[in-house]
């Protein structure tokens, strides 16, 4: 069930298919927000996805890049970045 929500609605691309944390969200109207934490290549990340915004809280000590709907962003260590899509 977790994988269906994260890989489906949040649109996270599997590590098997990409080297950079990637999202292509497809949120149904009935779901207002999804929040989850992952460990991506040794970095702890908290992700919040809504109908038109994705928030990445980089909980690690290293900067990390990520992609939302084909656009590349960078989240600094111990910082949160909100992206509208």
N, C-alpha and C. Protein backbone atom coordinates (compact mmCIF):
# COMPACT_ATOMS: atom_id res chain seq x y z
N UNK A 1 0.82 -1.18 0.00
CA UNK A 1 0.00 0.00 0.00
C UNK A 1 0.88 1.26 0.00
N UNK A 2 1.93 1.26 0.83
CA UNK A 2 2.83 2.41 0.91
C UNK A 2 3.43 2.70 -0.46
N UNK A 3 3.89 1.67 -1.15
CA UNK A 3 4.50 1.86 -2.47
C UNK A 3 3.50 2.40 -3.48
N UNK A 4 2.26 1.95 -3.41
CA UNK A 4 1.24 2.46 -4.33
C UNK A 4 1.03 3.95 -4.13
N UNK A 5 1.04 4.41 -2.90
CA UNK A 5 0.84 5.83 -2.62
C UNK A 5 2.08 6.64 -3.01
N UNK A 6 3.25 6.20 -2.58
CA UNK A 6 4.48 6.96 -2.83
C UNK A 6 4.88 6.94 -4.31
N UNK A 7 4.86 5.77 -4.92
CA UNK A 7 5.25 5.68 -6.34
C UNK A 7 4.11 6.10 -7.27
N UNK A 8 2.87 5.96 -6.81
CA UNK A 8 1.71 6.31 -7.63
C UNK A 8 1.34 7.78 -7.48
N UNK A 9 0.65 8.12 -6.39
CA UNK A 9 0.15 9.49 -6.20
C UNK A 9 1.27 10.51 -6.05
N UNK A 10 2.28 10.22 -5.23
CA UNK A 10 3.39 11.17 -5.06
C UNK A 10 4.32 11.15 -6.27
N UNK A 11 4.26 10.09 -7.05
CA UNK A 11 5.02 10.02 -8.29
C UNK A 11 6.52 9.87 -8.12
N UNK A 12 6.96 9.32 -6.98
CA UNK A 12 8.39 9.14 -6.78
C UNK A 12 8.91 8.05 -7.72
N UNK A 13 10.02 8.33 -8.37
CA UNK A 13 10.64 7.37 -9.28
C UNK A 13 11.59 6.49 -8.49
N UNK A 14 11.54 5.20 -8.70
CA UNK A 14 12.36 4.23 -7.99
C UNK A 14 13.85 4.47 -8.21
N UNK A 15 14.63 4.21 -7.18
CA UNK A 15 16.09 4.29 -7.27
C UNK A 15 16.64 3.40 -8.37
N UNK A 16 15.91 2.36 -8.71
CA UNK A 16 16.34 1.47 -9.80
C UNK A 16 16.30 2.18 -11.15
N UNK A 17 15.53 3.27 -11.25
CA UNK A 17 15.33 3.94 -12.54
C UNK A 17 15.96 5.33 -12.63
N UNK A 18 16.58 5.83 -11.56
CA UNK A 18 17.15 7.17 -11.57
C UNK A 18 18.25 7.30 -10.52
N UNK A 19 19.16 8.24 -10.74
CA UNK A 19 20.21 8.51 -9.77
C UNK A 19 19.90 9.71 -8.90
N UNK A 20 18.87 10.48 -9.27
CA UNK A 20 18.49 11.66 -8.51
C UNK A 20 17.03 11.51 -8.07
N UNK A 21 16.74 11.95 -6.87
CA UNK A 21 15.40 11.86 -6.32
C UNK A 21 14.44 12.60 -7.26
N UNK A 22 13.45 11.87 -7.79
CA UNK A 22 12.57 12.41 -8.83
C UNK A 22 11.11 12.16 -8.50
N UNK A 23 10.28 13.19 -8.75
CA UNK A 23 8.85 13.10 -8.50
C UNK A 23 8.07 13.59 -9.72
N UNK A 24 7.00 12.88 -10.02
CA UNK A 24 6.02 13.27 -11.03
C UNK A 24 4.64 13.06 -10.41
N UNK A 25 4.25 13.98 -9.49
CA UNK A 25 3.02 13.79 -8.72
C UNK A 25 1.77 13.74 -9.59
N UNK A 26 0.82 12.95 -9.11
CA UNK A 26 -0.47 12.80 -9.77
C UNK A 26 -1.51 12.57 -8.66
N UNK A 27 -1.79 13.66 -7.94
CA UNK A 27 -2.65 13.56 -6.76
C UNK A 27 -4.13 13.63 -7.14
N UNK A 28 -4.94 12.69 -6.67
CA UNK A 28 -6.39 12.77 -6.89
C UNK A 28 -6.98 13.87 -6.00
N UNK A 29 -8.09 14.44 -6.42
CA UNK A 29 -8.73 15.52 -5.67
C UNK A 29 -9.13 15.09 -4.26
N UNK A 30 -9.45 13.82 -4.08
CA UNK A 30 -9.92 13.33 -2.79
C UNK A 30 -8.82 13.32 -1.72
N UNK A 31 -7.57 13.33 -2.13
CA UNK A 31 -6.45 13.31 -1.19
C UNK A 31 -5.82 14.69 -1.15
N UNK A 32 -5.85 15.33 0.01
CA UNK A 32 -5.34 16.70 0.14
C UNK A 32 -3.82 16.76 0.26
N UNK A 33 -3.22 15.80 0.98
CA UNK A 33 -1.78 15.84 1.21
C UNK A 33 -1.27 14.46 1.59
N UNK A 34 -0.08 14.15 1.13
CA UNK A 34 0.63 12.93 1.51
C UNK A 34 1.96 13.37 2.13
N UNK A 35 2.29 12.81 3.28
CA UNK A 35 3.55 13.12 3.94
C UNK A 35 4.23 11.80 4.28
N UNK A 36 5.51 11.70 3.91
CA UNK A 36 6.26 10.48 4.21
C UNK A 36 7.74 10.81 4.33
N UNK A 37 8.49 9.92 4.98
CA UNK A 37 9.93 10.05 5.09
C UNK A 37 10.60 8.89 4.39
N UNK A 38 11.73 9.19 3.76
CA UNK A 38 12.51 8.16 3.08
C UNK A 38 13.99 8.35 3.38
N UNK A 39 14.75 7.34 3.11
CA UNK A 39 16.20 7.41 3.16
C UNK A 39 16.68 7.27 1.72
N UNK A 40 17.15 8.36 1.13
CA UNK A 40 17.58 8.36 -0.27
C UNK A 40 19.10 8.44 -0.33
N UNK A 41 19.73 7.35 -0.68
CA UNK A 41 21.19 7.28 -0.81
C UNK A 41 21.90 7.79 0.45
N UNK A 42 21.39 7.40 1.61
CA UNK A 42 22.01 7.77 2.88
C UNK A 42 21.54 9.10 3.44
N UNK A 43 20.68 9.81 2.75
CA UNK A 43 20.15 11.09 3.23
C UNK A 43 18.69 10.92 3.66
N UNK A 44 18.38 11.40 4.84
CA UNK A 44 17.01 11.34 5.34
C UNK A 44 16.23 12.51 4.77
N UNK A 45 15.05 12.22 4.21
CA UNK A 45 14.24 13.23 3.54
C UNK A 45 12.78 13.08 3.97
N UNK A 46 12.14 14.20 4.29
CA UNK A 46 10.71 14.21 4.56
C UNK A 46 10.04 14.91 3.38
N UNK A 47 9.04 14.26 2.80
CA UNK A 47 8.37 14.76 1.60
C UNK A 47 6.90 14.99 1.91
N UNK A 48 6.40 16.13 1.45
CA UNK A 48 4.98 16.45 1.56
C UNK A 48 4.49 16.83 0.17
N UNK A 49 3.42 16.16 -0.28
CA UNK A 49 2.90 16.39 -1.63
C UNK A 49 1.42 16.76 -1.54
N UNK A 50 1.04 17.84 -2.23
CA UNK A 50 -0.37 18.21 -2.35
C UNK A 50 -0.70 18.32 -3.83
N UNK A 51 -1.87 18.83 -4.15
CA UNK A 51 -2.32 18.89 -5.54
C UNK A 51 -1.43 19.73 -6.44
N UNK A 52 -0.76 20.75 -5.89
CA UNK A 52 0.06 21.62 -6.73
C UNK A 52 1.37 22.04 -6.09
N UNK A 53 1.77 21.38 -5.00
CA UNK A 53 3.01 21.74 -4.32
C UNK A 53 3.69 20.51 -3.75
N UNK A 54 5.01 20.50 -3.84
CA UNK A 54 5.81 19.43 -3.25
C UNK A 54 6.85 20.09 -2.36
N UNK A 55 6.97 19.56 -1.14
CA UNK A 55 7.92 20.11 -0.17
C UNK A 55 8.92 19.03 0.19
N UNK A 56 10.20 19.37 0.11
CA UNK A 56 11.26 18.44 0.48
C UNK A 56 12.02 19.02 1.67
N UNK A 57 11.99 18.32 2.79
CA UNK A 57 12.77 18.70 3.97
C UNK A 57 13.99 17.80 3.99
N UNK A 58 15.14 18.38 3.72
CA UNK A 58 16.39 17.64 3.72
C UNK A 58 16.88 17.54 5.16
N UNK A 59 16.73 16.39 5.77
CA UNK A 59 17.08 16.19 7.17
C UNK A 59 18.52 15.72 7.35
N UNK A 60 19.29 15.73 6.27
CA UNK A 60 20.67 15.25 6.33
C UNK A 60 21.64 16.43 6.44
N UNK A 61 22.90 16.12 6.51
CA UNK A 61 23.96 17.13 6.64
C UNK A 61 24.58 17.48 5.29
N UNK A 62 24.02 16.95 4.19
CA UNK A 62 24.55 17.22 2.85
C UNK A 62 23.47 17.80 1.96
N UNK A 63 23.84 18.72 1.08
CA UNK A 63 22.91 19.23 0.09
C UNK A 63 22.50 18.09 -0.83
N UNK A 64 21.31 18.19 -1.39
CA UNK A 64 20.87 17.14 -2.31
C UNK A 64 19.99 17.72 -3.40
N UNK A 65 20.15 17.19 -4.58
CA UNK A 65 19.32 17.61 -5.70
C UNK A 65 18.10 16.72 -5.83
N UNK A 66 17.06 17.28 -6.44
CA UNK A 66 15.87 16.49 -6.74
C UNK A 66 15.16 17.11 -7.94
N UNK A 67 14.29 16.35 -8.55
CA UNK A 67 13.57 16.78 -9.74
C UNK A 67 12.07 16.67 -9.48
N UNK A 68 11.34 17.70 -9.90
CA UNK A 68 9.88 17.69 -9.83
C UNK A 68 9.35 18.04 -11.21
N UNK A 69 8.63 17.11 -11.82
CA UNK A 69 8.03 17.31 -13.15
C UNK A 69 9.06 17.83 -14.16
N UNK A 70 10.26 17.26 -14.12
CA UNK A 70 11.30 17.57 -15.09
C UNK A 70 12.18 18.76 -14.76
N UNK A 71 11.89 19.50 -13.68
CA UNK A 71 12.70 20.65 -13.28
C UNK A 71 13.58 20.28 -12.10
N UNK A 72 14.86 20.67 -12.18
CA UNK A 72 15.83 20.30 -11.15
C UNK A 72 15.91 21.38 -10.07
N UNK A 73 16.00 20.92 -8.80
CA UNK A 73 16.10 21.79 -7.64
C UNK A 73 17.18 21.27 -6.70
N UNK A 74 17.57 22.10 -5.74
CA UNK A 74 18.55 21.68 -4.76
C UNK A 74 18.06 22.07 -3.37
N UNK A 75 18.06 21.10 -2.47
CA UNK A 75 17.69 21.34 -1.08
C UNK A 75 18.96 21.33 -0.24
N UNK A 76 19.23 22.45 0.40
CA UNK A 76 20.42 22.54 1.24
C UNK A 76 20.25 21.66 2.48
N UNK A 77 21.36 21.30 3.08
CA UNK A 77 21.35 20.47 4.30
C UNK A 77 20.52 21.15 5.38
N UNK A 78 19.72 20.36 6.08
CA UNK A 78 18.88 20.84 7.19
C UNK A 78 17.93 21.97 6.78
N UNK A 79 17.50 21.98 5.53
CA UNK A 79 16.58 23.01 5.03
C UNK A 79 15.39 22.36 4.35
N UNK A 80 14.34 23.14 4.19
CA UNK A 80 13.14 22.71 3.49
C UNK A 80 12.91 23.59 2.27
N UNK A 81 12.56 22.96 1.17
CA UNK A 81 12.29 23.69 -0.07
C UNK A 81 10.91 23.30 -0.58
N UNK A 82 10.07 24.32 -0.86
CA UNK A 82 8.75 24.11 -1.44
C UNK A 82 8.79 24.41 -2.93
N UNK A 83 8.18 23.54 -3.71
CA UNK A 83 8.16 23.70 -5.15
C UNK A 83 6.70 23.61 -5.64
N UNK A 84 6.29 24.61 -6.39
CA UNK A 84 4.96 24.56 -7.01
C UNK A 84 5.10 23.91 -8.37
N UNK A 85 4.11 23.15 -8.76
CA UNK A 85 4.15 22.52 -10.08
C UNK A 85 2.81 22.62 -10.75
